[in-house]
Amino acid sequence: MTKHTVQGLDVSVYQGLISRPKWTQLKRHGVEVAVVGSWHAVQPNVYAAATLAAARAAGLITATYIAIN
């Protein structure tokens, strides 16, 4: 079996909105996956949809999660 390691970045509401130019820059530096927390305990990430869209537009693989604390 061949193993392949990828670099990814996990962001949440605390990082704010991450724009497409920033994701493009991160991709140039080897980041391939963006994971965005969409909900933390009782606080929604108001930036999640826009951050995910920007990451996808920059060509990254995306995922989201909900953290229940």
PDB file of N, CA and C in Angstrom:
ATOM      1  N   MET A   1       0.836  -1.170   0.000  1.00  0.00           N
ATOM      2  CA  MET A   1       0.000   0.000   0.000  1.00  0.00           C
ATOM      3  C   MET A   1       0.887   1.242   0.000  1.00  0.00           C
ATOM      4  N   THR A   2       0.537   2.206  -0.810  1.00  0.00           N
ATOM      5  CA  THR A   2       1.264   3.462  -0.895  1.00  0.00           C
ATOM      6  C   THR A   2       0.648   4.467   0.060  1.00  0.00           C
ATOM      7  N   LYS A   3       1.476   5.113   0.842  1.00  0.00           N
ATOM      8  CA  LYS A   3       1.000   6.148   1.759  1.00  0.00           C
ATOM      9  C   LYS A   3       1.317   7.512   1.169  1.00  0.00           C
ATOM     10  N   HIS A   4       0.383   8.405   1.333  1.00  0.00           N
ATOM     11  CA  HIS A   4       0.551   9.767   0.827  1.00  0.00           C
ATOM     12  C   HIS A   4       0.173  10.728   1.947  1.00  0.00           C
ATOM     13  N   THR A   5       1.070  11.600   2.300  1.00  0.00           N
ATOM     14  CA  THR A   5       0.815  12.584   3.341  1.00  0.00           C
ATOM     15  C   THR A   5       0.487  13.921   2.695  1.00  0.00           C
ATOM     16  N   VAL A   6      -0.533  14.581   3.224  1.00  0.00           N
ATOM     17  CA  VAL A   6      -0.898  15.910   2.727  1.00  0.00           C
ATOM     18  C   VAL A   6      -0.839  16.905   3.876  1.00  0.00           C
ATOM     19  N   GLN A   7      -0.640  18.152   3.528  1.00  0.00           N
ATOM     20  CA  GLN A   7      -0.681  19.224   4.521  1.00  0.00           C
ATOM     21  C   GLN A   7      -2.059  19.847   4.510  1.00  0.00           C
ATOM     22  N   GLY A   8      -2.582  20.049   5.691  1.00  0.00           N
ATOM     23  CA  GLY A   8      -3.881  20.680   5.820  1.00  0.00           C
ATOM     24  C   GLY A   8      -3.863  21.725   6.915  1.00  0.00           C
ATOM     25  N   LEU A   9      -4.888  22.540   6.920  1.00  0.00           N
ATOM     26  CA  LEU A   9      -5.000  23.604   7.902  1.00  0.00           C
ATOM     27  C   LEU A   9      -6.401  23.563   8.498  1.00  0.00           C
ATOM     28  N   ASP A  10      -6.491  23.583   9.821  1.00  0.00           N
ATOM     29  CA  ASP A  10      -7.759  23.595  10.547  1.00  0.00           C
ATOM     30  C   ASP A  10      -7.962  25.001  11.086  1.00  0.00           C
ATOM     31  N   VAL A  11      -9.049  25.653  10.680  1.00  0.00           N
ATOM     32  CA  VAL A  11      -9.332  27.010  11.140  1.00  0.00           C
ATOM     33  C   VAL A  11     -10.724  27.067  11.756  1.00  0.00           C
ATOM     34  N   SER A  12     -10.946  28.091  12.563  1.00  0.00           N
ATOM     35  CA  SER A  12     -12.242  28.242  13.229  1.00  0.00           C
ATOM     36  C   SER A  12     -12.656  29.707  13.202  1.00  0.00           C
ATOM     37  N   VAL A  13     -13.691  30.019  13.939  1.00  0.00           N
ATOM     38  CA  VAL A  13     -14.200  31.389  14.010  1.00  0.00           C
ATOM     39  C   VAL A  13     -13.126  32.345  14.525  1.00  0.00           C
ATOM     40  N   TYR A  14     -12.201  31.838  15.324  1.00  0.00           N
ATOM     41  CA  TYR A  14     -11.184  32.688  15.934  1.00  0.00           C
ATOM     42  C   TYR A  14     -10.168  33.232  14.930  1.00  0.00           C
ATOM     43  N   GLN A  15     -10.053  32.625  13.751  1.00  0.00           N
ATOM     44  CA  GLN A  15      -9.152  33.145  12.720  1.00  0.00           C
ATOM     45  C   GLN A  15      -9.859  34.158  11.823  1.00  0.00           C
ATOM     46  N   GLY A  16     -11.160  34.281  11.940  1.00  0.00           N
ATOM     47  CA  GLY A  16     -11.907  35.217  11.100  1.00  0.00           C
ATOM     48  C   GLY A  16     -12.020  34.704   9.669  1.00  0.00           C
ATOM     49  N   LEU A  17     -12.411  35.580   8.775  1.00  0.00           N
ATOM     50  CA  LEU A  17     -12.553  35.225   7.366  1.00  0.00           C
ATOM     51  C   LEU A  17     -11.166  35.072   6.744  1.00  0.00           C
ATOM     52  N   ILE A  18     -10.976  33.960   6.054  1.00  0.00           N
ATOM     53  CA  ILE A  18      -9.727  33.744   5.324  1.00  0.00           C
ATOM     54  C   ILE A  18     -10.064  33.834   3.841  1.00  0.00           C
ATOM     55  N   SER A  19      -9.459  34.772   3.166  1.00  0.00           N
ATOM     56  CA  SER A  19      -9.802  35.101   1.780  1.00  0.00           C
ATOM     57  C   SER A  19      -9.153  34.149   0.769  1.00  0.00           C
ATOM     58  N   ARG A  20      -9.673  34.203  -0.442  1.00  0.00           N
ATOM     59  CA  ARG A  20      -9.108  33.388  -1.521  1.00  0.00           C
ATOM     60  C   ARG A  20      -7.622  33.680  -1.761  1.00  0.00           C
ATOM     61  N   PRO A  21      -7.197  34.961  -1.798  1.00  0.00           N
ATOM     62  CA  PRO A  21      -5.754  35.200  -1.985  1.00  0.00           C
ATOM     63  C   PRO A  21      -4.894  34.544  -0.903  1.00  0.00           C
ATOM     64  N   LYS A  22      -5.376  34.540   0.332  1.00  0.00           N
ATOM     65  CA  LYS A  22      -4.611  33.900   1.410  1.00  0.00           C
ATOM     66  C   LYS A  22      -4.568  32.395   1.193  1.00  0.00           C
ATOM     67  N   TRP A  23      -5.707  31.775   0.811  1.00  0.00           N
ATOM     68  CA  TRP A  23      -5.713  30.329   0.538  1.00  0.00           C
ATOM     69  C   TRP A  23      -4.806  30.003  -0.644  1.00  0.00           C
ATOM     70  N   THR A  24      -4.800  30.857  -1.653  1.00  0.00           N
ATOM     71  CA  THR A  24      -3.933  30.651  -2.818  1.00  0.00           C
ATOM     72  C   THR A  24      -2.466  30.673  -2.391  1.00  0.00           C
ATOM     73  N   GLN A  25      -2.130  31.606  -1.530  1.00  0.00           N
ATOM     74  CA  GLN A  25      -0.765  31.688  -1.016  1.00  0.00           C
ATOM     75  C   GLN A  25      -0.417  30.431  -0.209  1.00  0.00           C
ATOM     76  N   LEU A  26      -1.341  29.984   0.630  1.00  0.00           N
ATOM     77  CA  LEU A  26      -1.105  28.770   1.421  1.00  0.00           C
ATOM     78  C   LEU A  26      -0.934  27.554   0.513  1.00  0.00           C
ATOM     79  N   LYS A  27      -1.733  27.498  -0.555  1.00  0.00           N
ATOM     80  CA  LYS A  27      -1.617  26.375  -1.497  1.00  0.00           C
ATOM     81  C   LYS A  27      -0.242  26.362  -2.156  1.00  0.00           C
ATOM     82  N   ARG A  28       0.246  27.537  -2.528  1.00  0.00           N
ATOM     83  CA  ARG A  28       1.594  27.625  -3.115  1.00  0.00           C
ATOM     84  C   ARG A  28       2.666  27.111  -2.163  1.00  0.00           C
ATOM     85  N   HIS A  29       2.381  27.167  -0.871  1.00  0.00           N
ATOM     86  CA  HIS A  29       3.324  26.692   0.140  1.00  0.00           C
ATOM     87  C   HIS A  29       3.051  25.259   0.577  1.00  0.00           C
ATOM     88  N   GLY A  30       2.168  24.563  -0.169  1.00  0.00           N
ATOM     89  CA  GLY A  30       1.983  23.135   0.063  1.00  0.00           C
ATOM     90  C   GLY A  30       0.735  22.708   0.799  1.00  0.00           C
ATOM     91  N   VAL A  31      -0.091  23.640   1.250  1.00  0.00           N
ATOM     92  CA  VAL A  31      -1.336  23.265   1.914  1.00  0.00           C
ATOM     93  C   VAL A  31      -2.322  22.777   0.858  1.00  0.00           C
ATOM     94  N   GLU A  32      -2.875  21.578   1.075  1.00  0.00           N
ATOM     95  CA  GLU A  32      -3.799  20.989   0.105  1.00  0.00           C
ATOM     96  C   GLU A  32      -5.227  20.862   0.630  1.00  0.00           C
ATOM     97  N   VAL A  33      -5.388  20.904   1.955  1.00  0.00           N
ATOM     98  CA  VAL A  33      -6.692  20.667   2.578  1.00  0.00           C
ATOM     99  C   VAL A  33      -7.014  21.787   3.553  1.00  0.00           C
ATOM    100  N   ALA A  34      -8.253  22.266   3.496  1.00  0.00           N
ATOM    101  CA  ALA A  34      -8.748  23.252   4.456  1.00  0.00           C
ATOM    102  C   ALA A  34      -9.904  22.632   5.226  1.00  0.00           C
ATOM    103  N   VAL A  35      -9.780  22.610   6.545  1.00  0.00           N
ATOM    104  CA  VAL A  35     -10.843  22.096   7.405  1.00  0.00           C
ATOM    105  C   VAL A  35     -11.327  23.268   8.244  1.00  0.00           C
ATOM    106  N   VAL A  36     -12.626  23.556   8.152  1.00  0.00           N
ATOM    107  CA  VAL A  36     -13.177  24.745   8.794  1.00  0.00           C
ATOM    108  C   VAL A  36     -14.227  24.335   9.822  1.00  0.00           C
ATOM    109  N   GLY A  37     -14.022  24.753  11.057  1.00  0.00           N
ATOM    110  CA  GLY A  37     -15.022  24.506  12.093  1.00  0.00           C
ATOM    111  C   GLY A  37     -16.222  25.401  11.850  1.00  0.00           C
ATOM    112  N   SER A  38     -17.398  24.807  11.725  1.00  0.00           N
ATOM    113  CA  SER A  38     -18.581  25.608  11.432  1.00  0.00           C
ATOM    114  C   SER A  38     -19.411  25.930  12.668  1.00  0.00           C
ATOM    115  N   TRP A  39     -19.132  25.244  13.765  1.00  0.00           N
ATOM    116  CA  TRP A  39     -19.897  25.486  14.988  1.00  0.00           C
ATOM    117  C   TRP A  39     -19.042  25.048  16.168  1.00  0.00           C
ATOM    118  N   HIS A  40     -18.944  25.874  17.197  1.00  0.00           N
ATOM    119  CA  HIS A  40     -18.185  25.548  18.400  1.00  0.00           C
ATOM    120  C   HIS A  40     -19.074  25.777  19.620  1.00  0.00           C
ATOM    121  N   ALA A  41     -19.455  24.699  20.277  1.00  0.00           N
ATOM    122  CA  ALA A  41     -20.347  24.749  21.447  1.00  0.00           C
ATOM    123  C   ALA A  41     -21.640  25.469  21.048  1.00  0.00           C
ATOM    124  N   VAL A  42     -21.867  26.666  21.546  1.00  0.00           N
ATOM    125  CA  VAL A  42     -23.095  27.400  21.210  1.00  0.00           C
ATOM    126  C   VAL A  42     -22.830  28.548  20.239  1.00  0.00           C
ATOM    127  N   GLN A  43     -21.635  28.603  19.681  1.00  0.00           N
ATOM    128  CA  GLN A  43     -21.243  29.722  18.815  1.00  0.00           C
ATOM    129  C   GLN A  43     -21.049  29.276  17.378  1.00  0.00           C
ATOM    130  N   PRO A  44     -21.874  29.801  16.444  1.00  0.00           N
ATOM    131  CA  PRO A  44     -21.643  29.481  15.034  1.00  0.00           C
ATOM    132  C   PRO A  44     -20.434  30.248  14.501  1.00  0.00           C
ATOM    133  N   ASN A  45     -19.798  29.674  13.495  1.00  0.00           N
ATOM    134  CA  ASN A  45     -18.719  30.371  12.803  1.00  0.00           C
ATOM    135  C   ASN A  45     -19.353  31.133  11.646  1.00  0.00           C
ATOM    136  N   VAL A  46     -19.527  32.422  11.824  1.00  0.00           N
ATOM    137  CA  VAL A  46     -20.183  33.239  10.802  1.00  0.00           C
ATOM    138  C   VAL A  46     -19.327  33.362   9.537  1.00  0.00           C
ATOM    139  N   TYR A  47     -18.065  32.978   9.614  1.00  0.00           N
ATOM    140  CA  TYR A  47     -17.156  33.045   8.474  1.00  0.00           C
ATOM    141  C   TYR A  47     -17.034  31.713   7.727  1.00  0.00           C
ATOM    142  N   ALA A  48     -17.637  30.652   8.242  1.00  0.00           N
ATOM    143  CA  ALA A  48     -17.419  29.304   7.708  1.00  0.00           C
ATOM    144  C   ALA A  48     -17.751  29.185   6.222  1.00  0.00           C
ATOM    145  N   ALA A  49     -18.938  29.595   5.812  1.00  0.00           N
ATOM    146  CA  ALA A  49     -19.344  29.430   4.412  1.00  0.00           C
ATOM    147  C   ALA A  49     -18.416  30.190   3.467  1.00  0.00           C
ATOM    148  N   ALA A  50     -18.100  31.430   3.806  1.00  0.00           N
ATOM    149  CA  ALA A  50     -17.232  32.243   2.940  1.00  0.00           C
ATOM    150  C   ALA A  50     -15.803  31.701   2.928  1.00  0.00           C
ATOM    151  N   THR A  51     -15.321  31.236   4.076  1.00  0.00           N
ATOM    152  CA  THR A  51     -13.968  30.687   4.142  1.00  0.00           C
ATOM    153  C   THR A  51     -13.871  29.398   3.341  1.00  0.00           C
ATOM    154  N   LEU A  52     -14.886  28.527   3.455  1.00  0.00           N
ATOM    155  CA  LEU A  52     -14.910  27.290   2.663  1.00  0.00           C
ATOM    156  C   LEU A  52     -14.963  27.595   1.170  1.00  0.00           C
ATOM    157  N   ALA A  53     -15.803  28.555   0.783  1.00  0.00           N
ATOM    158  CA  ALA A  53     -15.911  28.923  -0.634  1.00  0.00           C
ATOM    159  C   ALA A  53     -14.590  29.471  -1.157  1.00  0.00           C
ATOM    160  N   ALA A  54     -13.916  30.280  -0.363  1.00  0.00           N
ATOM    161  CA  ALA A  54     -12.631  30.851  -0.784  1.00  0.00           C
ATOM    162  C   ALA A  54     -11.578  29.754  -0.936  1.00  0.00           C
ATOM    163  N   ALA A  55     -11.571  28.799  -0.018  1.00  0.00           N
ATOM    164  CA  ALA A  55     -10.609  27.698  -0.099  1.00  0.00           C
ATOM    165  C   ALA A  55     -10.871  26.836  -1.334  1.00  0.00           C
ATOM    166  N   ARG A  56     -12.144  26.544  -1.600  1.00  0.00           N
ATOM    167  CA  ARG A  56     -12.494  25.760  -2.796  1.00  0.00           C
ATOM    168  C   ARG A  56     -12.087  26.515  -4.060  1.00  0.00           C
ATOM    169  N   ALA A  57     -12.343  27.818  -4.086  1.00  0.00           N
ATOM    170  CA  ALA A  57     -11.990  28.632  -5.258  1.00  0.00           C
ATOM    171  C   ALA A  57     -10.488  28.648  -5.492  1.00  0.00           C
ATOM    172  N   ALA A  58      -9.716  28.486  -4.423  1.00  0.00           N
ATOM    173  CA  ALA A  58      -8.256  28.451  -4.539  1.00  0.00           C
ATOM    174  C   ALA A  58      -7.754  27.048  -4.900  1.00  0.00           C
ATOM    175  N   GLY A  59      -8.675  26.084  -4.989  1.00  0.00           N
ATOM    176  CA  GLY A  59      -8.297  24.739  -5.416  1.00  0.00           C
ATOM    177  C   GLY A  59      -7.981  23.758  -4.303  1.00  0.00           C
ATOM    178  N   LEU A  60      -8.328  24.100  -3.073  1.00  0.00           N
ATOM    179  CA  LEU A  60      -8.072  23.190  -1.961  1.00  0.00           C
ATOM    180  C   LEU A  60      -9.226  22.210  -1.777  1.00  0.00           C
ATOM    181  N   ILE A  61      -8.929  21.057  -1.203  1.00  0.00           N
ATOM    182  CA  ILE A  61      -9.935  20.111  -0.760  1.00  0.00           C
ATOM    183  C   ILE A  61     -10.467  20.665   0.557  1.00  0.00           C
ATOM    184  N   THR A  62     -11.798  20.630   0.759  1.00  0.00           N
ATOM    185  CA  THR A  62     -12.364  21.229   1.959  1.00  0.00           C
ATOM    186  C   THR A  62     -13.212  20.244   2.753  1.00  0.00           C
ATOM    187  N   ALA A  63     -13.303  20.528   4.034  1.00  0.00           N
ATOM    188  CA  ALA A  63     -14.176  19.779   4.943  1.00  0.00           C
ATOM    189  C   ALA A  63     -14.582  20.724   6.065  1.00  0.00           C
ATOM    190  N   THR A  64     -15.651  20.366   6.755  1.00  0.00           N
ATOM    191  CA  THR A  64     -16.086  21.166   7.893  1.00  0.00           C
ATOM    192  C   THR A  64     -16.429  20.227   9.041  1.00  0.00           C
ATOM    193  N   TYR A  65     -16.545  20.780  10.235  1.00  0.00           N
ATOM    194  CA  TYR A  65     -16.901  19.992  11.410  1.00  0.00           C
ATOM    195  C   TYR A  65     -17.657  20.849  12.415  1.00  0.00           C
ATOM    196  N   ILE A  66     -18.319  20.178  13.330  1.00  0.00           N
ATOM    197  CA  ILE A  66     -19.004  20.822  14.438  1.00  0.00           C
ATOM    198  C   ILE A  66     -18.347  20.321  15.717  1.00  0.00           C
ATOM    199  N   ALA A  67     -17.928  21.230  16.584  1.00  0.00           N
ATOM    200  CA  ALA A  67     -17.332  20.868  17.871  1.00  0.00           C
ATOM    201  C   ALA A  67     -18.367  21.059  18.969  1.00  0.00           C
ATOM    202  N   ILE A  68     -18.676  20.001  19.668  1.00  0.00           N
ATOM    203  CA  ILE A  68     -19.619  20.077  20.777  1.00  0.00           C
ATOM    204  C   ILE A  68     -18.809  19.924  22.060  1.00  0.00           C
ATOM    205  N   ASN A  69     -18.700  20.987  22.804  1.00  0.00           N
ATOM    206  CA  ASN A  69     -17.885  20.971  24.024  1.00  0.00           C
ATOM    207  C   ASN A  69     -18.782  20.815  25.229  1.00  0.00           C
TER     208      ASN A  69
END
